Structure formats: C-alpha cells, structure tokens
Amino acid sequence: EELADAGYVRGFPEDPLGGAFFVDATGRVQSTTLLDVLAVEQIRRLRVFIAAFRKEQGRWPASLEELADMGYVRSPPRHPNERKRFHYDPNTGELSDAPIAR
C-alpha cells in the first residue's frame, strides 16, 4: 500500500522472498528481505569486533559508538533498515536487531 500511495506502483506488489517493500526516507524502494540479509551480515561482523574489543580491552564496549571511538570500526554502525535498530547490551556483549517503536 505504501508504494501505491507514494505513486511508485499501481498496486501493492508481493515480495517473492516473503518480505515486504517500502519507500525509505530518501524515496528509495527497499526490500525488507534484502535489508534483513544485510543486517545479519553486519551483526556477524560487529560481533567479531565486539569480541576483539573484549579480548584486547578486558571488558565489553560501553556502546557500539565506542567501537568507532576506539578504531574497531570506521563509524558508529547504523542498521541498514531505517525501521529497525541495533540493540547492544554492554553488560553481556550481546547484539541483535529490533524494530523501532512507532
């Protein structure tokens, strides 16, 4: 419906991979399926950096931003899907993604 409302399509297309399409804040059509794949890969890589931080610093990073501040990543990580965010627990080092409450 969102794509039709935005004038991109005449009807609401079905994602053949089971997700959904939406128009992001920049006006680009996105697939939740493809963004979820990107997020899984980004989480996998971030977990490696979080583990390296723990091994070298003797503690979990206080935040994902600290990974950037300490040079483990170039910039604070952003979720590829603007409708989700990374959830990081500095007490356990656990990283996941979660929908943004609207």
PDB file of N, CA and C in Angstrom:
ATOM      1  N   GLU A   1       0.819  -1.193   0.000  1.00  0.00           N
ATOM      2  CA  GLU A   1       0.000   0.000   0.000  1.00  0.00           C
ATOM      3  C   GLU A   1       0.860   1.252   0.000  1.00  0.00           C
ATOM      4  N   GLU A   2       1.947   1.220   0.742  1.00  0.00           N
ATOM      5  CA  GLU A   2       2.800   2.391   0.842  1.00  0.00           C
ATOM      6  C   GLU A   2       3.393   2.769  -0.517  1.00  0.00           C
ATOM      7  N   LEU A   3       3.777   1.767  -1.298  1.00  0.00           N
ATOM      8  CA  LEU A   3       4.332   2.037  -2.619  1.00  0.00           C
ATOM      9  C   LEU A   3       3.285   2.646  -3.534  1.00  0.00           C
ATOM     10  N   ALA A   4       2.076   2.136  -3.464  1.00  0.00           N
ATOM     11  CA  ALA A   4       0.990   2.682  -4.282  1.00  0.00           C
ATOM     12  C   ALA A   4       0.670   4.107  -3.838  1.00  0.00           C
ATOM     13  N   ASP A   5       0.606   4.334  -2.534  1.00  0.00           N
ATOM     14  CA  ASP A   5       0.328   5.676  -2.011  1.00  0.00           C
ATOM     15  C   ASP A   5       1.391   6.676  -2.445  1.00  0.00           C
ATOM     16  N   ALA A   6       2.636   6.223  -2.556  1.00  0.00           N
ATOM     17  CA  ALA A   6       3.733   7.098  -2.963  1.00  0.00           C
ATOM     18  C   ALA A   6       3.791   7.287  -4.475  1.00  0.00           C
ATOM     19  N   GLY A   7       2.957   6.556  -5.211  1.00  0.00           N
ATOM     20  CA  GLY A   7       2.918   6.694  -6.656  1.00  0.00           C
ATOM     21  C   GLY A   7       3.967   5.881  -7.402  1.00  0.00           C
ATOM     22  N   TYR A   8       4.623   4.939  -6.728  1.00  0.00           N
ATOM     23  CA  TYR A   8       5.638   4.112  -7.374  1.00  0.00           C
ATOM     24  C   TYR A   8       5.042   2.972  -8.177  1.00  0.00           C
ATOM     25  N   VAL A   9       3.927   2.460  -7.738  1.00  0.00           N
ATOM     26  CA  VAL A   9       3.282   1.336  -8.415  1.00  0.00           C
ATOM     27  C   VAL A   9       1.778   1.538  -8.380  1.00  0.00           C
ATOM     28  N   ARG A  10       1.095   0.813  -9.229  1.00  0.00           N
ATOM     29  CA  ARG A  10      -0.368   0.909  -9.253  1.00  0.00           C
ATOM     30  C   ARG A  10      -1.007   0.056  -8.170  1.00  0.00           C
ATOM     31  N   GLY A  11      -0.342  -0.979  -7.793  1.00  0.00           N
ATOM     32  CA  GLY A  11      -0.860  -1.863  -6.756  1.00  0.00           C
ATOM     33  C   GLY A  11       0.265  -2.278  -5.840  1.00  0.00           C
ATOM     34  N   PHE A  12      -0.074  -2.967  -4.808  1.00  0.00           N
ATOM     35  CA  PHE A  12       0.909  -3.400  -3.819  1.00  0.00           C
ATOM     36  C   PHE A  12       1.555  -4.702  -4.276  1.00  0.00           C
ATOM     37  N   PRO A  13       2.843  -4.683  -4.629  1.00  0.00           N
ATOM     38  CA  PRO A  13       3.498  -5.917  -5.082  1.00  0.00           C
ATOM     39  C   PRO A  13       3.811  -6.841  -3.910  1.00  0.00           C
ATOM     40  N   GLU A  14       3.868  -8.102  -4.202  1.00  0.00           N
ATOM     41  CA  GLU A  14       4.268  -9.082  -3.192  1.00  0.00           C
ATOM     42  C   GLU A  14       5.754  -9.353  -3.366  1.00  0.00           C
ATOM     43  N   ASP A  15       6.469  -9.421  -2.273  1.00  0.00           N
ATOM     44  CA  ASP A  15       7.883  -9.765  -2.317  1.00  0.00           C
ATOM     45  C   ASP A  15       7.973 -11.266  -2.514  1.00  0.00           C
ATOM     46  N   PRO A  16       8.598 -11.726  -3.607  1.00  0.00           N
ATOM     47  CA  PRO A  16       8.675 -13.166  -3.848  1.00  0.00           C
ATOM     48  C   PRO A  16       9.494 -13.916  -2.804  1.00  0.00           C
ATOM     49  N   LEU A  17      10.250 -13.178  -1.999  1.00  0.00           N
ATOM     50  CA  LEU A  17      11.083 -13.803  -0.973  1.00  0.00           C
ATOM     51  C   LEU A  17      10.407 -13.797   0.393  1.00  0.00           C
ATOM     52  N   GLY A  18       9.182 -13.267   0.474  1.00  0.00           N
ATOM     53  CA  GLY A  18       8.425 -13.326   1.715  1.00  0.00           C
ATOM     54  C   GLY A  18       8.420 -12.072   2.558  1.00  0.00           C
ATOM     55  N   GLY A  19       9.223 -11.094   2.212  1.00  0.00           N
ATOM     56  CA  GLY A  19       9.252  -9.858   2.986  1.00  0.00           C
ATOM     57  C   GLY A  19       8.246  -8.868   2.463  1.00  0.00           C
ATOM     58  N   ALA A  20       8.616  -7.600   2.537  1.00  0.00           N
ATOM     59  CA  ALA A  20       7.738  -6.536   2.064  1.00  0.00           C
ATOM     60  C   ALA A  20       8.600  -5.434   1.450  1.00  0.00           C
ATOM     61  N   PHE A  21       7.984  -4.640   0.610  1.00  0.00           N
ATOM     62  CA  PHE A  21       8.641  -3.475   0.043  1.00  0.00           C
ATOM     63  C   PHE A  21       8.150  -2.234   0.767  1.00  0.00           C
ATOM     64  N   PHE A  22       9.014  -1.222   0.874  1.00  0.00           N
ATOM     65  CA  PHE A  22       8.611   0.060   1.428  1.00  0.00           C
ATOM     66  C   PHE A  22       9.473   1.150   0.832  1.00  0.00           C
ATOM     67  N   VAL A  23       9.025   2.368   0.953  1.00  0.00           N
ATOM     68  CA  VAL A  23       9.774   3.524   0.480  1.00  0.00           C
ATOM     69  C   VAL A  23      10.483   4.133   1.686  1.00  0.00           C
ATOM     70  N   ASP A  24      11.812   4.257   1.594  1.00  0.00           N
ATOM     71  CA  ASP A  24      12.557   4.794   2.732  1.00  0.00           C
ATOM     72  C   ASP A  24      12.512   6.320   2.746  1.00  0.00           C
ATOM     73  N   ALA A  25      13.182   6.915   3.707  1.00  0.00           N
ATOM     74  CA  ALA A  25      13.136   8.365   3.887  1.00  0.00           C
ATOM     75  C   ALA A  25      13.746   9.123   2.710  1.00  0.00           C
ATOM     76  N   THR A  26      14.593   8.464   1.925  1.00  0.00           N
ATOM     77  CA  THR A  26      15.206   9.120   0.767  1.00  0.00           C
ATOM     78  C   THR A  26      14.387   8.910  -0.500  1.00  0.00           C
ATOM     79  N   GLY A  27      13.270   8.179  -0.385  1.00  0.00           N
ATOM     80  CA  GLY A  27      12.427   7.922  -1.548  1.00  0.00           C
ATOM     81  C   GLY A  27      12.789   6.675  -2.324  1.00  0.00           C
ATOM     82  N   ARG A  28      13.723   5.900  -1.811  1.00  0.00           N
ATOM     83  CA  ARG A  28      14.131   4.664  -2.487  1.00  0.00           C
ATOM     84  C   ARG A  28      13.257   3.504  -2.041  1.00  0.00           C
ATOM     85  N   VAL A  29      12.940   2.637  -2.985  1.00  0.00           N
ATOM     86  CA  VAL A  29      12.172   1.431  -2.672  1.00  0.00           C
ATOM     87  C   VAL A  29      13.127   0.409  -2.074  1.00  0.00           C
ATOM     88  N   GLN A  30      12.766  -0.129  -0.921  1.00  0.00           N
ATOM     89  CA  GLN A  30      13.606  -1.096  -0.214  1.00  0.00           C
ATOM     90  C   GLN A  30      12.843  -2.400  -0.028  1.00  0.00           C
ATOM     91  N   SER A  31      13.588  -3.491   0.061  1.00  0.00           N
ATOM     92  CA  SER A  31      13.034  -4.807   0.352  1.00  0.00           C
ATOM     93  C   SER A  31      13.460  -5.210   1.754  1.00  0.00           C
ATOM     94  N   THR A  32      12.480  -5.520   2.607  1.00  0.00           N
ATOM     95  CA  THR A  32      12.832  -5.935   3.969  1.00  0.00           C
ATOM     96  C   THR A  32      13.646  -7.222   3.948  1.00  0.00           C
ATOM     97  N   THR A  33      13.392  -8.088   2.990  1.00  0.00           N
ATOM     98  CA  THR A  33      14.148  -9.338   2.893  1.00  0.00           C
ATOM     99  C   THR A  33      15.631  -9.049   2.667  1.00  0.00           C
ATOM    100  N   LEU A  34      15.925  -8.202   1.701  1.00  0.00           N
ATOM    101  CA  LEU A  34      17.328  -7.899   1.405  1.00  0.00           C
ATOM    102  C   LEU A  34      17.983  -7.112   2.536  1.00  0.00           C
ATOM    103  N   LEU A  35      17.250  -6.199   3.153  1.00  0.00           N
ATOM    104  CA  LEU A  35      17.812  -5.449   4.271  1.00  0.00           C
ATOM    105  C   LEU A  35      18.080  -6.353   5.467  1.00  0.00           C
ATOM    106  N   ASP A  36      17.231  -7.354   5.672  1.00  0.00           N
ATOM    107  CA  ASP A  36      17.463  -8.308   6.764  1.00  0.00           C
ATOM    108  C   ASP A  36      18.726  -9.124   6.518  1.00  0.00           C
ATOM    109  N   VAL A  37      18.981  -9.490   5.271  1.00  0.00           N
ATOM    110  CA  VAL A  37      20.209 -10.220   4.929  1.00  0.00           C
ATOM    111  C   VAL A  37      21.426  -9.343   5.219  1.00  0.00           C
ATOM    112  N   LEU A  38      21.352  -8.072   4.825  1.00  0.00           N
ATOM    113  CA  LEU A  38      22.452  -7.147   5.114  1.00  0.00           C
ATOM    114  C   LEU A  38      22.660  -6.987   6.615  1.00  0.00           C
ATOM    115  N   ALA A  39      21.566  -6.910   7.364  1.00  0.00           N
ATOM    116  CA  ALA A  39      21.668  -6.749   8.821  1.00  0.00           C
ATOM    117  C   ALA A  39      22.321  -7.965   9.469  1.00  0.00           C
ATOM    118  N   VAL A  40      21.961  -9.155   9.030  1.00  0.00           N
ATOM    119  CA  VAL A  40      22.550 -10.378   9.592  1.00  0.00           C
ATOM    120  C   VAL A  40      24.061 -10.373   9.366  1.00  0.00           C
ATOM    121  N   GLU A  41      24.485  -9.990   8.171  1.00  0.00           N
ATOM    122  CA  GLU A  41      25.920  -9.940   7.873  1.00  0.00           C
ATOM    123  C   GLU A  41      26.613  -8.858   8.697  1.00  0.00           C
ATOM    124  N   GLN A  42      25.977  -7.711   8.841  1.00  0.00           N
ATOM    125  CA  GLN A  42      26.567  -6.636   9.634  1.00  0.00           C
ATOM    126  C   GLN A  42      26.660  -7.042  11.106  1.00  0.00           C
ATOM    127  N   ILE A  43      25.649  -7.695  11.627  1.00  0.00           N
ATOM    128  CA  ILE A  43      25.685  -8.174  13.011  1.00  0.00           C
ATOM    129  C   ILE A  43      26.812  -9.185  13.193  1.00  0.00           C
ATOM    130  N   ARG A  44      26.982 -10.083  12.234  1.00  0.00           N
ATOM    131  CA  ARG A  44      28.063 -11.072  12.310  1.00  0.00           C
ATOM    132  C   ARG A  44      29.420 -10.365  12.400  1.00  0.00           C
ATOM    133  N   ARG A  45      29.639  -9.376  11.535  1.00  0.00           N
ATOM    134  CA  ARG A  45      30.916  -8.648  11.550  1.00  0.00           C
ATOM    135  C   ARG A  45      31.084  -7.862  12.854  1.00  0.00           C
ATOM    136  N   LEU A  46      30.026  -7.195  13.298  1.00  0.00           N
ATOM    137  CA  LEU A  46      30.122  -6.420  14.541  1.00  0.00           C
ATOM    138  C   LEU A  46      30.432  -7.304  15.733  1.00  0.00           C
ATOM    139  N   ARG A  47      29.882  -8.509  15.763  1.00  0.00           N
ATOM    140  CA  ARG A  47      30.183  -9.431  16.860  1.00  0.00           C
ATOM    141  C   ARG A  47      31.664  -9.786  16.901  1.00  0.00           C
ATOM    142  N   VAL A  48      32.283  -9.885  15.735  1.00  0.00           N
ATOM    143  CA  VAL A  48      33.733 -10.137  15.684  1.00  0.00           C
ATOM    144  C   VAL A  48      34.480  -8.963  16.305  1.00  0.00           C
ATOM    145  N   PHE A  49      34.085  -7.734  15.965  1.00  0.00           N
ATOM    146  CA  PHE A  49      34.747  -6.550  16.529  1.00  0.00           C
ATOM    147  C   PHE A  49      34.489  -6.417  18.025  1.00  0.00           C
ATOM    148  N   ILE A  50      33.281  -6.750  18.452  1.00  0.00           N
ATOM    149  CA  ILE A  50      32.955  -6.713  19.881  1.00  0.00           C
ATOM    150  C   ILE A  50      33.822  -7.712  20.644  1.00  0.00           C
ATOM    151  N   ALA A  51      33.985  -8.909  20.091  1.00  0.00           N
ATOM    152  CA  ALA A  51      34.822  -9.935  20.735  1.00  0.00           C
ATOM    153  C   ALA A  51      36.286  -9.500  20.773  1.00  0.00           C
ATOM    154  N   ALA A  52      36.762  -8.881  19.697  1.00  0.00           N
ATOM    155  CA  ALA A  52      38.147  -8.403  19.667  1.00  0.00           C
ATOM    156  C   ALA A  52      38.350  -7.308  20.710  1.00  0.00           C
ATOM    157  N   PHE A  53      37.390  -6.414  20.836  1.00  0.00           N
ATOM    158  CA  PHE A  53      37.451  -5.360  21.853  1.00  0.00           C
ATOM    159  C   PHE A  53      37.557  -5.984  23.236  1.00  0.00           C
ATOM    160  N   ARG A  54      36.712  -6.961  23.505  1.00  0.00           N
ATOM    161  CA  ARG A  54      36.708  -7.632  24.820  1.00  0.00           C
ATOM    162  C   ARG A  54      38.056  -8.282  25.105  1.00  0.00           C
ATOM    163  N   LYS A  55      38.595  -8.945  24.096  1.00  0.00           N
ATOM    164  CA  LYS A  55      39.878  -9.638  24.273  1.00  0.00           C
ATOM    165  C   LYS A  55      41.008  -8.636  24.539  1.00  0.00           C
ATOM    166  N   GLU A  56      40.994  -7.538  23.809  1.00  0.00           N
ATOM    167  CA  GLU A  56      42.083  -6.563  23.932  1.00  0.00           C
ATOM    168  C   GLU A  56      41.911  -5.604  25.114  1.00  0.00           C
ATOM    169  N   GLN A  57      40.675  -5.241  25.440  1.00  0.00           N
ATOM    170  CA  GLN A  57      40.431  -4.247  26.487  1.00  0.00           C
ATOM    171  C   GLN A  57      40.038  -4.866  27.824  1.00  0.00           C
ATOM    172  N   GLY A  58      39.681  -6.158  27.822  1.00  0.00           N
ATOM    173  CA  GLY A  58      39.305  -6.834  29.054  1.00  0.00           C
ATOM    174  C   GLY A  58      37.896  -6.520  29.536  1.00  0.00           C
ATOM    175  N   ARG A  59      37.097  -5.929  28.669  1.00  0.00           N
ATOM    176  CA  ARG A  59      35.709  -5.598  29.006  1.00  0.00           C
ATOM    177  C   ARG A  59      34.922  -5.468  27.715  1.00  0.00           C
ATOM    178  N   TRP A  60      33.589  -5.485  27.859  1.00  0.00           N
ATOM    179  CA  TRP A  60      32.737  -5.243  26.702  1.00  0.00           C
ATOM    180  C   TRP A  60      32.746  -3.750  26.404  1.00  0.00           C
ATOM    181  N   PRO A  61      32.616  -3.350  25.141  1.00  0.00           N
ATOM    182  CA  PRO A  61      32.496  -1.919  24.869  1.00  0.00           C
ATOM    183  C   PRO A  61      31.245  -1.359  25.547  1.00  0.00           C
ATOM    184  N   ALA A  62      31.328  -0.131  25.996  1.00  0.00           N
ATOM    185  CA  ALA A  62      30.187   0.503  26.661  1.00  0.00           C
ATOM    186  C   ALA A  62      29.041   0.751  25.690  1.00  0.00           C
ATOM    187  N   SER A  63      29.370   0.896  24.413  1.00  0.00           N
ATOM    188  CA  SER A  63      28.357   1.148  23.386  1.00  0.00           C
ATOM    189  C   SER A  63      28.946   0.784  22.031  1.00  0.00           C
ATOM    190  N   LEU A  64      28.098   0.721  21.034  1.00  0.00           N
ATOM    191  CA  LEU A  64      28.593   0.490  19.676  1.00  0.00           C
ATOM    192  C   LEU A  64      29.398   1.685  19.193  1.00  0.00           C
ATOM    193  N   GLU A  65      29.061   2.864  19.678  1.00  0.00           N
ATOM    194  CA  GLU A  65      29.814   4.058  19.325  1.00  0.00           C
ATOM    195  C   GLU A  65      31.259   3.966  19.812  1.00  0.00           C
ATOM    196  N   GLU A  66      31.467   3.295  20.941  1.00  0.00           N
ATOM    197  CA  GLU A  66      32.833   3.149  21.460  1.00  0.00           C
ATOM    198  C   GLU A  66      33.684   2.317  20.515  1.00  0.00           C
ATOM    199  N   LEU A  67      33.071   1.377  19.798  1.00  0.00           N
ATOM    200  CA  LEU A  67      33.833   0.615  18.799  1.00  0.00           C
ATOM    201  C   LEU A  67      34.446   1.549  17.772  1.00  0.00           C
ATOM    202  N   ALA A  68      33.695   2.570  17.373  1.00  0.00           N
ATOM    203  CA  ALA A  68      34.211   3.553  16.415  1.00  0.00           C
ATOM    204  C   ALA A  68      35.242   4.465  17.088  1.00  0.00           C
ATOM    205  N   ASP A  69      34.930   4.911  18.284  1.00  0.00           N
ATOM    206  CA  ASP A  69      35.855   5.803  19.003  1.00  0.00           C
ATOM    207  C   ASP A  69      37.221   5.155  19.210  1.00  0.00           C
ATOM    208  N   MET A  70      37.231   3.851  19.408  1.00  0.00           N
ATOM    209  CA  MET A  70      38.479   3.121  19.670  1.00  0.00           C
ATOM    210  C   MET A  70      39.116   2.558  18.395  1.00  0.00           C
ATOM    211  N   GLY A  71      38.496   2.823  17.242  1.00  0.00           N
ATOM    212  CA  GLY A  71      39.091   2.417  15.968  1.00  0.00           C
ATOM    213  C   GLY A  71      38.783   1.005  15.508  1.00  0.00           C
ATOM    214  N   TYR A  72      37.833   0.345  16.131  1.00  0.00           N
ATOM    215  CA  TYR A  72      37.478  -1.015  15.710  1.00  0.00           C
ATOM    216  C   TYR A  72      36.607  -1.004  14.452  1.00  0.00           C
ATOM    217  N   VAL A  73      35.812   0.042  14.300  1.00  0.00           N
ATOM    218  CA  VAL A  73      35.012   0.255  13.088  1.00  0.00           C
ATOM    219  C   VAL A  73      35.194   1.721  12.692  1.00  0.00           C
ATOM    220  N   ARG A  74      34.931   2.019  11.412  1.00  0.00           N
ATOM    221  CA  ARG A  74      35.145   3.385  10.916  1.00  0.00           C
ATOM    222  C   ARG A  74      34.173   4.404  11.488  1.00  0.00           C
ATOM    223  N   SER A  75      32.920   3.990  11.644  1.00  0.00           N
ATOM    224  CA  SER A  75      31.903   4.903  12.159  1.00  0.00           C
ATOM    225  C   SER A  75      30.889   4.101  12.964  1.00  0.00           C
ATOM    226  N   PRO A  76      30.134   4.763  13.818  1.00  0.00           N
ATOM    227  CA  PRO A  76      29.119   4.028  14.590  1.00  0.00           C
ATOM    228  C   PRO A  76      28.174   3.290  13.640  1.00  0.00           C
ATOM    229  N   PRO A  77      27.915   2.024  13.903  1.00  0.00           N
ATOM    230  CA  PRO A  77      27.087   1.243  12.984  1.00  0.00           C
ATOM    231  C   PRO A  77      25.633   1.705  12.967  1.00  0.00           C
ATOM    232  N   ARG A  78      25.082   1.712  11.754  1.00  0.00           N
ATOM    233  CA  ARG A  78      23.669   2.022  11.562  1.00  0.00           C
ATOM    234  C   ARG A  78      23.008   0.810  10.929  1.00  0.00           C
ATOM    235  N   HIS A  79      21.823   0.511  11.380  1.00  0.00           N
ATOM    236  CA  HIS A  79      21.078  -0.615  10.816  1.00  0.00           C
ATOM    237  C   HIS A  79      20.731  -0.285   9.371  1.00  0.00           C
ATOM    238  N   PRO A  80      20.854  -1.256   8.448  1.00  0.00           N
ATOM    239  CA  PRO A  80      20.523  -0.966   7.046  1.00  0.00           C
ATOM    240  C   PRO A  80      19.042  -0.662   6.819  1.00  0.00           C
ATOM    241  N   ASN A  81      18.186  -1.109   7.718  1.00  0.00           N
ATOM    242  CA  ASN A  81      16.747  -0.865   7.609  1.00  0.00           C
ATOM    243  C   ASN A  81      16.385   0.272   8.558  1.00  0.00           C
ATOM    244  N   GLU A  82      15.944   1.387   8.003  1.00  0.00           N
ATOM    245  CA  GLU A  82      15.631   2.545   8.851  1.00  0.00           C
ATOM    246  C   GLU A  82      14.495   2.278   9.830  1.00  0.00           C
ATOM    247  N   ARG A  83      13.790   1.171   9.650  1.00  0.00           N
ATOM    248  CA  ARG A  83      12.689   0.820  10.552  1.00  0.00           C
ATOM    249  C   ARG A  83      13.152  -0.062  11.716  1.00  0.00           C
ATOM    250  N   LYS A  84      14.440  -0.356  11.743  1.00  0.00           N
ATOM    251  CA  LYS A  84      14.999  -1.183  12.813  1.00  0.00           C
ATOM    252  C   LYS A  84      16.236  -0.503  13.386  1.00  0.00           C
ATOM    253  N   ARG A  85      16.693  -1.023  14.501  1.00  0.00           N
ATOM    254  CA  ARG A  85      17.915  -0.514  15.124  1.00  0.00           C
ATOM    255  C   ARG A  85      18.685  -1.701  15.680  1.00  0.00           C
ATOM    256  N   PHE A  86      19.962  -1.484  15.908  1.00  0.00           N
ATOM    257  CA  PHE A  86      20.750  -2.494  16.598  1.00  0.00           C
ATOM    258  C   PHE A  86      20.501  -2.335  18.086  1.00  0.00           C
ATOM    259  N   HIS A  87      20.373  -3.448  18.761  1.00  0.00           N
ATOM    260  CA  HIS A  87      20.248  -3.436  20.218  1.00  0.00           C
ATOM    261  C   HIS A  87      21.505  -4.092  20.776  1.00  0.00           C
ATOM    262  N   TYR A  88      22.265  -3.330  21.549  1.00  0.00           N
ATOM    263  CA  TYR A  88      23.510  -3.825  22.132  1.00  0.00           C
ATOM    264  C   TYR A  88      23.409  -3.760  23.646  1.00  0.00           C
ATOM    265  N   ASP A  89      23.790  -4.861  24.307  1.00  0.00           N
ATOM    266  CA  ASP A  89      23.800  -4.911  25.765  1.00  0.00           C
ATOM    267  C   ASP A  89      25.252  -4.880  26.238  1.00  0.00           C
ATOM    268  N   PRO A  90      25.709  -3.762  26.811  1.00  0.00           N
ATOM    269  CA  PRO A  90      27.100  -3.658  27.242  1.00  0.00           C
ATOM    270  C   PRO A  90      27.453  -4.547  28.430  1.00  0.00           C
ATOM    271  N   ASN A  91      26.450  -5.102  29.105  1.00  0.00           N
ATOM    272  CA  ASN A  91      26.721  -5.999  30.225  1.00  0.00           C
ATOM    273  C   ASN A  91      27.082  -7.405  29.766  1.00  0.00           C
ATOM    274  N   THR A  92      26.581  -7.788  28.582  1.00  0.00           N
ATOM    275  CA  THR A  92      26.803  -9.152  28.084  1.00  0.00           C
ATOM    276  C   THR A  92      27.531  -9.187  26.746  1.00  0.00           C
ATOM    277  N   GLY A  93      27.583  -8.068  26.047  1.00  0.00           N
ATOM    278  CA  GLY A  93      28.169  -8.031  24.705  1.00  0.00           C
ATOM    279  C   GLY A  93      27.233  -8.552  23.640  1.00  0.00           C
ATOM    280  N   GLU A  94      25.982  -8.840  24.002  1.00  0.00           N
ATOM    281  CA  GLU A  94      25.013  -9.371  23.032  1.00  0.00           C
ATOM    282  C   GLU A  94      24.541  -8.267  22.081  1.00  0.00           C
ATOM    283  N   LEU A  95      24.418  -8.636  20.812  1.00  0.00           N
ATOM    284  CA  LEU A  95      23.979  -7.712  19.784  1.00  0.00           C
ATOM    285  C   LEU A  95      22.852  -8.354  18.994  1.00  0.00           C
ATOM    286  N   SER A  96      21.788  -7.598  18.765  1.00  0.00           N
ATOM    287  CA  SER A  96      20.658  -8.082  17.972  1.00  0.00           C
ATOM    288  C   SER A  96      20.046  -6.883  17.268  1.00  0.00           C
ATOM    289  N   ASP A  97      18.983  -7.136  16.516  1.00  0.00           N
ATOM    290  CA  ASP A  97      18.266  -6.010  15.935  1.00  0.00           C
ATOM    291  C   ASP A  97      16.819  -6.043  16.398  1.00  0.00           C
ATOM    292  N   ALA A  98      16.205  -4.873  16.386  1.00  0.00           N
ATOM    293  CA  ALA A  98      14.840  -4.738  16.888  1.00  0.00           C
ATOM    294  C   ALA A  98      14.123  -3.668  16.105  1.00  0.00           C
ATOM    295  N   PRO A  99      12.811  -3.835  15.943  1.00  0.00           N
ATOM    296  CA  PRO A  99      12.048  -2.771  15.270  1.00  0.00           C
ATOM    297  C   PRO A  99      12.054  -1.493  16.106  1.00  0.00           C
ATOM    298  N   ILE A 100      11.995  -0.376  15.430  1.00  0.00           N
ATOM    299  CA  ILE A 100      11.867   0.908  16.109  1.00  0.00           C
ATOM    300  C   ILE A 100      10.392   1.106  16.427  1.00  0.00           C
ATOM    301  N   ALA A 101      10.099   1.404  17.662  1.00  0.00           N
ATOM    302  CA  ALA A 101       8.701   1.640  18.058  1.00  0.00           C
ATOM    303  C   ALA A 101       8.190   2.889  17.371  1.00  0.00           C
ATOM    304  N   ARG A 102       7.008   2.788  16.801  1.00  0.00           N
ATOM    305  CA  ARG A 102       6.420   3.949  16.107  1.00  0.00           C
ATOM    306  C   ARG A 102       5.167   4.371  16.785  1.00  0.00           C
TER     307      ARG A 102
END
